[in-house]
Amino acid sequence: MKLSDIIASLGVIILLVAFLLNLYKKLEANSRAYCAMNFIGAAMCGVSSYMISFYPFVVLEGIWAGFALVSFIKVSRGT
């Protein structure tokens, strides 16, 4: 397994765990943990996509990570 595969797998796991925790009401979508998990997972997927030169997903995951980071900052500030 290549490093890009490991990074992508961990990123996807983080994203899916956040989604499932939210789905089962264990983690609110406006919580710092949820926003952080979305940012970290999307960033990892974006990095792995860059490593394999799959640029459509670099764009997708970069935008996802950007919005998750903005949400994390807003939640942290209480706004």
PDB file of N, CA and C in Angstrom:
ATOM      1  N   MET A   1       0.851  -1.181   0.000  1.00  0.00           N
ATOM      2  CA  MET A   1       0.000   0.000   0.000  1.00  0.00           C
ATOM      3  C   MET A   1       0.894   1.241   0.000  1.00  0.00           C
ATOM      4  N   LYS A   2       0.588   2.176  -0.893  1.00  0.00           N
ATOM      5  CA  LYS A   2       1.371   3.397  -0.994  1.00  0.00           C
ATOM      6  C   LYS A   2       0.956   4.397   0.088  1.00  0.00           C
ATOM      7  N   LEU A   3       1.841   5.366   0.330  1.00  0.00           N
ATOM      8  CA  LEU A   3       1.561   6.396   1.330  1.00  0.00           C
ATOM      9  C   LEU A   3       0.283   7.159   0.989  1.00  0.00           C
ATOM     10  N   SER A   4       0.068   7.460  -0.281  1.00  0.00           N
ATOM     11  CA  SER A   4      -1.144   8.181  -0.680  1.00  0.00           C
ATOM     12  C   SER A   4      -2.399   7.375  -0.344  1.00  0.00           C
ATOM     13  N   ASP A   5      -2.330   6.052  -0.463  1.00  0.00           N
ATOM     14  CA  ASP A   5      -3.463   5.188  -0.110  1.00  0.00           C
ATOM     15  C   ASP A   5      -3.747   5.229   1.391  1.00  0.00           C
ATOM     16  N   ILE A   6      -2.701   5.228   2.174  1.00  0.00           N
ATOM     17  CA  ILE A   6      -2.849   5.266   3.640  1.00  0.00           C
ATOM     18  C   ILE A   6      -3.467   6.592   4.064  1.00  0.00           C
ATOM     19  N   ILE A   7      -2.953   7.701   3.518  1.00  0.00           N
ATOM     20  CA  ILE A   7      -3.481   9.024   3.860  1.00  0.00           C
ATOM     21  C   ILE A   7      -4.943   9.129   3.449  1.00  0.00           C
ATOM     22  N   ALA A   8      -5.266   8.689   2.239  1.00  0.00           N
ATOM     23  CA  ALA A   8      -6.650   8.744   1.755  1.00  0.00           C
ATOM     24  C   ALA A   8      -7.570   7.886   2.622  1.00  0.00           C
ATOM     25  N   SER A   9      -7.121   6.699   2.974  1.00  0.00           N
ATOM     26  CA  SER A   9      -7.949   5.805   3.788  1.00  0.00           C
ATOM     27  C   SER A   9      -8.236   6.411   5.151  1.00  0.00           C
ATOM     28  N   LEU A  10      -7.217   6.984   5.780  1.00  0.00           N
ATOM     29  CA  LEU A  10      -7.422   7.614   7.086  1.00  0.00           C
ATOM     30  C   LEU A  10      -8.347   8.821   6.970  1.00  0.00           C
ATOM     31  N   GLY A  11      -8.176   9.617   5.916  1.00  0.00           N
ATOM     32  CA  GLY A  11      -9.041  10.772   5.709  1.00  0.00           C
ATOM     33  C   GLY A  11     -10.497  10.375   5.521  1.00  0.00           C
ATOM     34  N   VAL A  12     -10.724   9.355   4.721  1.00  0.00           N
ATOM     35  CA  VAL A  12     -12.093   8.877   4.482  1.00  0.00           C
ATOM     36  C   VAL A  12     -12.692   8.316   5.767  1.00  0.00           C
ATOM     37  N   ILE A  13     -11.911   7.589   6.534  1.00  0.00           N
ATOM     38  CA  ILE A  13     -12.411   7.051   7.805  1.00  0.00           C
ATOM     39  C   ILE A  13     -12.837   8.183   8.731  1.00  0.00           C
ATOM     40  N   ILE A  14     -12.018   9.224   8.827  1.00  0.00           N
ATOM     41  CA  ILE A  14     -12.354  10.375   9.678  1.00  0.00           C
ATOM     42  C   ILE A  14     -13.647  11.025   9.209  1.00  0.00           C
ATOM     43  N   LEU A  15     -13.785  11.227   7.903  1.00  0.00           N
ATOM     44  CA  LEU A  15     -15.009  11.834   7.366  1.00  0.00           C
ATOM     45  C   LEU A  15     -16.238  10.975   7.641  1.00  0.00           C
ATOM     46  N   LEU A  16     -16.105   9.674   7.444  1.00  0.00           N
ATOM     47  CA  LEU A  16     -17.252   8.780   7.666  1.00  0.00           C
ATOM     48  C   LEU A  16     -17.620   8.674   9.143  1.00  0.00           C
ATOM     49  N   VAL A  17     -16.636   8.657  10.017  1.00  0.00           N
ATOM     50  CA  VAL A  17     -16.926   8.615  11.457  1.00  0.00           C
ATOM     51  C   VAL A  17     -17.658   9.884  11.873  1.00  0.00           C
ATOM     52  N   ALA A  18     -17.208  11.039  11.382  1.00  0.00           N
ATOM     53  CA  ALA A  18     -17.896  12.297  11.698  1.00  0.00           C
ATOM     54  C   ALA A  18     -19.339  12.249  11.210  1.00  0.00           C
ATOM     55  N   PHE A  19     -19.535  11.779   9.976  1.00  0.00           N
ATOM     56  CA  PHE A  19     -20.871  11.684   9.402  1.00  0.00           C
ATOM     57  C   PHE A  19     -21.761  10.760  10.230  1.00  0.00           C
ATOM     58  N   LEU A  20     -21.250   9.585  10.582  1.00  0.00           N
ATOM     59  CA  LEU A  20     -22.055   8.630  11.347  1.00  0.00           C
ATOM     60  C   LEU A  20     -22.369   9.145  12.750  1.00  0.00           C
ATOM     61  N   LEU A  21     -21.395   9.775  13.399  1.00  0.00           N
ATOM     62  CA  LEU A  21     -21.645  10.334  14.728  1.00  0.00           C
ATOM     63  C   LEU A  21     -22.718  11.421  14.666  1.00  0.00           C
ATOM     64  N   ASN A  22     -22.708  12.213  13.622  1.00  0.00           N
ATOM     65  CA  ASN A  22     -23.729  13.232  13.446  1.00  0.00           C
ATOM     66  C   ASN A  22     -25.075  12.592  13.137  1.00  0.00           C
ATOM     67  N   LEU A  23     -25.073  11.593  12.282  1.00  0.00           N
ATOM     68  CA  LEU A  23     -26.303  10.912  11.892  1.00  0.00           C
ATOM     69  C   LEU A  23     -27.002  10.281  13.095  1.00  0.00           C
ATOM     70  N   TYR A  24     -26.221   9.720  14.010  1.00  0.00           N
ATOM     71  CA  TYR A  24     -26.776   9.058  15.193  1.00  0.00           C
ATOM     72  C   TYR A  24     -26.840   9.975  16.406  1.00  0.00           C
ATOM     73  N   LYS A  25     -26.762  11.300  16.151  1.00  0.00           N
ATOM     74  CA  LYS A  25     -26.963  12.327  17.183  1.00  0.00           C
ATOM     75  C   LYS A  25     -25.941  12.257  18.318  1.00  0.00           C
ATOM     76  N   LYS A  26     -24.747  11.788  18.018  1.00  0.00           N
ATOM     77  CA  LYS A  26     -23.679  11.745  19.013  1.00  0.00           C
ATOM     78  C   LYS A  26     -22.753  12.958  18.903  1.00  0.00           C
ATOM     79  N   LEU A  27     -22.859  13.661  17.771  1.00  0.00           N
ATOM     80  CA  LEU A  27     -21.993  14.800  17.504  1.00  0.00           C
ATOM     81  C   LEU A  27     -22.802  15.803  16.683  1.00  0.00           C
ATOM     82  N   GLU A  28     -22.913  17.025  17.188  1.00  0.00           N
ATOM     83  CA  GLU A  28     -23.676  18.041  16.472  1.00  0.00           C
ATOM     84  C   GLU A  28     -22.858  18.620  15.328  1.00  0.00           C
ATOM     85  N   ALA A  29     -23.543  18.976  14.252  1.00  0.00           N
ATOM     86  CA  ALA A  29     -22.872  19.521  13.071  1.00  0.00           C
ATOM     87  C   ALA A  29     -22.201  20.855  13.350  1.00  0.00           C
ATOM     88  N   ASN A  30     -22.639  21.559  14.374  1.00  0.00           N
ATOM     89  CA  ASN A  30     -22.026  22.834  14.711  1.00  0.00           C
ATOM     90  C   ASN A  30     -21.057  22.725  15.891  1.00  0.00           C
ATOM     91  N   SER A  31     -20.534  21.522  16.124  1.00  0.00           N
ATOM     92  CA  SER A  31     -19.559  21.341  17.199  1.00  0.00           C
ATOM     93  C   SER A  31     -18.139  21.477  16.653  1.00  0.00           C
ATOM     94  N   ARG A  32     -17.231  21.835  17.530  1.00  0.00           N
ATOM     95  CA  ARG A  32     -15.829  21.964  17.120  1.00  0.00           C
ATOM     96  C   ARG A  32     -15.272  20.633  16.646  1.00  0.00           C
ATOM     97  N   ALA A  33     -15.643  19.554  17.317  1.00  0.00           N
ATOM     98  CA  ALA A  33     -15.123  18.233  16.951  1.00  0.00           C
ATOM     99  C   ALA A  33     -15.555  17.846  15.540  1.00  0.00           C
ATOM    100  N   TYR A  34     -16.822  18.081  15.214  1.00  0.00           N
ATOM    101  CA  TYR A  34     -17.335  17.740  13.879  1.00  0.00           C
ATOM    102  C   TYR A  34     -16.630  18.562  12.805  1.00  0.00           C
ATOM    103  N   CYS A  35     -16.500  19.852  13.037  1.00  0.00           N
ATOM    104  CA  CYS A  35     -15.830  20.728  12.065  1.00  0.00           C
ATOM    105  C   CYS A  35     -14.362  20.340  11.916  1.00  0.00           C
ATOM    106  N   ALA A  36     -13.714  20.019  13.021  1.00  0.00           N
ATOM    107  CA  ALA A  36     -12.304  19.616  12.968  1.00  0.00           C
ATOM    108  C   ALA A  36     -12.136  18.309  12.206  1.00  0.00           C
ATOM    109  N   MET A  37     -13.018  17.360  12.458  1.00  0.00           N
ATOM    110  CA  MET A  37     -12.940  16.080  11.753  1.00  0.00           C
ATOM    111  C   MET A  37     -13.162  16.267  10.259  1.00  0.00           C
ATOM    112  N   ASN A  38     -14.091  17.140   9.892  1.00  0.00           N
ATOM    113  CA  ASN A  38     -14.331  17.416   8.478  1.00  0.00           C
ATOM    114  C   ASN A  38     -13.114  18.079   7.846  1.00  0.00           C
ATOM    115  N   PHE A  39     -12.507  19.026   8.542  1.00  0.00           N
ATOM    116  CA  PHE A  39     -11.321  19.691   8.012  1.00  0.00           C
ATOM    117  C   PHE A  39     -10.161  18.713   7.846  1.00  0.00           C
ATOM    118  N   ILE A  40      -9.871  17.955   8.883  1.00  0.00           N
ATOM    119  CA  ILE A  40      -8.733  17.025   8.843  1.00  0.00           C
ATOM    120  C   ILE A  40      -8.953  15.950   7.777  1.00  0.00           C
ATOM    121  N   GLY A  41     -10.143  15.364   7.764  1.00  0.00           N
ATOM    122  CA  GLY A  41     -10.438  14.315   6.793  1.00  0.00           C
ATOM    123  C   GLY A  41     -10.367  14.819   5.359  1.00  0.00           C
ATOM    124  N   ALA A  42     -10.968  15.977   5.107  1.00  0.00           N
ATOM    125  CA  ALA A  42     -10.959  16.533   3.750  1.00  0.00           C
ATOM    126  C   ALA A  42      -9.536  16.936   3.348  1.00  0.00           C
ATOM    127  N   ALA A  43      -8.792  17.512   4.271  1.00  0.00           N
ATOM    128  CA  ALA A  43      -7.413  17.911   3.966  1.00  0.00           C
ATOM    129  C   ALA A  43      -6.565  16.685   3.622  1.00  0.00           C
ATOM    130  N   MET A  44      -6.734  15.625   4.387  1.00  0.00           N
ATOM    131  CA  MET A  44      -5.973  14.401   4.108  1.00  0.00           C
ATOM    132  C   MET A  44      -6.345  13.822   2.744  1.00  0.00           C
ATOM    133  N   CYS A  45      -7.625  13.810   2.420  1.00  0.00           N
ATOM    134  CA  CYS A  45      -8.058  13.317   1.111  1.00  0.00           C
ATOM    135  C   CYS A  45      -7.531  14.205  -0.005  1.00  0.00           C
ATOM    136  N   GLY A  46      -7.504  15.511   0.241  1.00  0.00           N
ATOM    137  CA  GLY A  46      -6.973  16.433  -0.750  1.00  0.00           C
ATOM    138  C   GLY A  46      -5.485  16.234  -0.986  1.00  0.00           C
ATOM    139  N   VAL A  47      -4.743  16.039   0.082  1.00  0.00           N
ATOM    140  CA  VAL A  47      -3.300  15.794  -0.043  1.00  0.00           C
ATOM    141  C   VAL A  47      -3.045  14.496  -0.806  1.00  0.00           C
ATOM    142  N   SER A  48      -3.781  13.462  -0.463  1.00  0.00           N
ATOM    143  CA  SER A  48      -3.577  12.186  -1.155  1.00  0.00           C
ATOM    144  C   SER A  48      -3.946  12.284  -2.631  1.00  0.00           C
ATOM    145  N   SER A  49      -4.983  13.054  -2.945  1.00  0.00           N
ATOM    146  CA  SER A  49      -5.360  13.254  -4.344  1.00  0.00           C
ATOM    147  C   SER A  49      -4.277  14.020  -5.088  1.00  0.00           C
ATOM    148  N   TYR A  50      -3.675  14.984  -4.432  1.00  0.00           N
ATOM    149  CA  TYR A  50      -2.565  15.726  -5.035  1.00  0.00           C
ATOM    150  C   TYR A  50      -1.374  14.800  -5.295  1.00  0.00           C
ATOM    151  N   MET A  51      -1.130  13.913  -4.357  1.00  0.00           N
ATOM    152  CA  MET A  51      -0.001  12.984  -4.490  1.00  0.00           C
ATOM    153  C   MET A  51      -0.135  12.081  -5.716  1.00  0.00           C
ATOM    154  N   ILE A  52      -1.371  11.782  -6.095  1.00  0.00           N
ATOM    155  CA  ILE A  52      -1.576  10.915  -7.266  1.00  0.00           C
ATOM    156  C   ILE A  52      -2.008  11.720  -8.490  1.00  0.00           C
ATOM    157  N   SER A  53      -1.920  13.051  -8.387  1.00  0.00           N
ATOM    158  CA  SER A  53      -2.257  13.961  -9.489  1.00  0.00           C
ATOM    159  C   SER A  53      -3.700  13.823  -9.971  1.00  0.00           C
ATOM    160  N   PHE A  54      -4.620  13.619  -9.047  1.00  0.00           N
ATOM    161  CA  PHE A  54      -6.041  13.553  -9.386  1.00  0.00           C
ATOM    162  C   PHE A  54      -6.681  14.883  -8.978  1.00  0.00           C
ATOM    163  N   TYR A  55      -6.544  15.868  -9.857  1.00  0.00           N
ATOM    164  CA  TYR A  55      -6.844  17.250  -9.529  1.00  0.00           C
ATOM    165  C   TYR A  55      -8.318  17.583  -9.319  1.00  0.00           C
ATOM    166  N   PRO A  56      -9.273  16.901  -9.940  1.00  0.00           N
ATOM    167  CA  PRO A  56     -10.676  17.213  -9.607  1.00  0.00           C
ATOM    168  C   PRO A  56     -10.964  17.007  -8.113  1.00  0.00           C
ATOM    169  N   PHE A  57     -10.393  15.972  -7.531  1.00  0.00           N
ATOM    170  CA  PHE A  57     -10.600  15.737  -6.104  1.00  0.00           C
ATOM    171  C   PHE A  57      -9.767  16.678  -5.244  1.00  0.00           C
ATOM    172  N   VAL A  58      -8.646  17.148  -5.756  1.00  0.00           N
ATOM    173  CA  VAL A  58      -7.880  18.162  -5.029  1.00  0.00           C
ATOM    174  C   VAL A  58      -8.753  19.400  -4.857  1.00  0.00           C
ATOM    175  N   VAL A  59      -9.436  19.796  -5.929  1.00  0.00           N
ATOM    176  CA  VAL A  59     -10.329  20.955  -5.873  1.00  0.00           C
ATOM    177  C   VAL A  59     -11.487  20.685  -4.921  1.00  0.00           C
ATOM    178  N   LEU A  60     -12.158  19.547  -5.086  1.00  0.00           N
ATOM    179  CA  LEU A  60     -13.296  19.204  -4.237  1.00  0.00           C
ATOM    180  C   LEU A  60     -12.908  19.192  -2.764  1.00  0.00           C
ATOM    181  N   GLU A  61     -11.866  18.460  -2.444  1.00  0.00           N
ATOM    182  CA  GLU A  61     -11.469  18.318  -1.043  1.00  0.00           C
ATOM    183  C   GLU A  61     -10.876  19.612  -0.495  1.00  0.00           C
ATOM    184  N   GLY A  62     -10.228  20.393  -1.355  1.00  0.00           N
ATOM    185  CA  GLY A  62      -9.713  21.686  -0.915  1.00  0.00           C
ATOM    186  C   GLY A  62     -10.831  22.634  -0.522  1.00  0.00           C
ATOM    187  N   ILE A  63     -11.886  22.656  -1.336  1.00  0.00           N
ATOM    188  CA  ILE A  63     -13.046  23.496  -1.010  1.00  0.00           C
ATOM    189  C   ILE A  63     -13.730  22.989   0.251  1.00  0.00           C
ATOM    190  N   TRP A  64     -13.893  21.666   0.356  1.00  0.00           N
ATOM    191  CA  TRP A  64     -14.503  21.064   1.547  1.00  0.00           C
ATOM    192  C   TRP A  64     -13.696  21.434   2.793  1.00  0.00           C
ATOM    193  N   ALA A  65     -12.385  21.285   2.712  1.00  0.00           N
ATOM    194  CA  ALA A  65     -11.525  21.615   3.854  1.00  0.00           C
ATOM    195  C   ALA A  65     -11.613  23.098   4.188  1.00  0.00           C
ATOM    196  N   GLY A  66     -11.680  23.935   3.167  1.00  0.00           N
ATOM    197  CA  GLY A  66     -11.784  25.378   3.407  1.00  0.00           C
ATOM    198  C   GLY A  66     -13.059  25.748   4.154  1.00  0.00           C
ATOM    199  N   PHE A  67     -14.183  25.222   3.699  1.00  0.00           N
ATOM    200  CA  PHE A  67     -15.443  25.499   4.392  1.00  0.00           C
ATOM    201  C   PHE A  67     -15.452  24.913   5.807  1.00  0.00           C
ATOM    202  N   ALA A  68     -14.871  23.741   5.970  1.00  0.00           N
ATOM    203  CA  ALA A  68     -14.808  23.135   7.304  1.00  0.00           C
ATOM    204  C   ALA A  68     -13.936  23.975   8.234  1.00  0.00           C
ATOM    205  N   LEU A  69     -12.850  24.524   7.714  1.00  0.00           N
ATOM    206  CA  LEU A  69     -11.974  25.373   8.534  1.00  0.00           C
ATOM    207  C   LEU A  69     -12.698  26.656   8.925  1.00  0.00           C
ATOM    208  N   VAL A  70     -13.399  27.266   7.987  1.00  0.00           N
ATOM    209  CA  VAL A  70     -14.174  28.470   8.303  1.00  0.00           C
ATOM    210  C   VAL A  70     -15.224  28.154   9.362  1.00  0.00           C
ATOM    211  N   SER A  71     -15.903  27.026   9.226  1.00  0.00           N
ATOM    212  CA  SER A  71     -16.906  26.610  10.228  1.00  0.00           C
ATOM    213  C   SER A  71     -16.267  26.389  11.582  1.00  0.00           C
ATOM    214  N   PHE A  72     -15.098  25.756  11.595  1.00  0.00           N
ATOM    215  CA  PHE A  72     -14.391  25.515  12.857  1.00  0.00           C
ATOM    216  C   PHE A  72     -14.054  26.836  13.538  1.00  0.00           C
ATOM    217  N   ILE A  73     -13.574  27.793  12.777  1.00  0.00           N
ATOM    218  CA  ILE A  73     -13.219  29.102  13.344  1.00  0.00           C
ATOM    219  C   ILE A  73     -14.454  29.803  13.887  1.00  0.00           C
ATOM    220  N   LYS A  74     -15.557  29.763  13.135  1.00  0.00           N
ATOM    221  CA  LYS A  74     -16.795  30.380  13.596  1.00  0.00           C
ATOM    222  C   LYS A  74     -17.300  29.729  14.876  1.00  0.00           C
ATOM    223  N   VAL A  75     -17.286  28.415  14.928  1.00  0.00           N
ATOM    224  CA  VAL A  75     -17.749  27.696  16.114  1.00  0.00           C
ATOM    225  C   VAL A  75     -16.846  28.002  17.298  1.00  0.00           C
ATOM    226  N   SER A  76     -15.554  28.071  17.073  1.00  0.00           N
ATOM    227  CA  SER A  76     -14.602  28.354  18.145  1.00  0.00           C
ATOM    228  C   SER A  76     -14.803  29.749  18.717  1.00  0.00           C
ATOM    229  N   ARG A  77     -15.175  30.687  17.849  1.00  0.00           N
ATOM    230  CA  ARG A  77     -15.414  32.075  18.286  1.00  0.00           C
ATOM    231  C   ARG A  77     -16.802  32.254  18.884  1.00  0.00           C
ATOM    232  N   GLY A  78     -17.664  31.267  18.680  1.00  0.00           N
ATOM    233  CA  GLY A  78     -19.022  31.357  19.193  1.00  0.00           C
ATOM    234  C   GLY A  78     -19.940  32.192  18.327  1.00  0.00           C
ATOM    235  N   THR A  79     -19.605  32.328  17.043  1.00  0.00           N
ATOM    236  CA  THR A  79     -20.450  33.137  16.154  1.00  0.00           C
ATOM    237  C   THR A  79     -21.257  32.268  15.221  1.00  0.00           C
TER     238      THR A  79
END
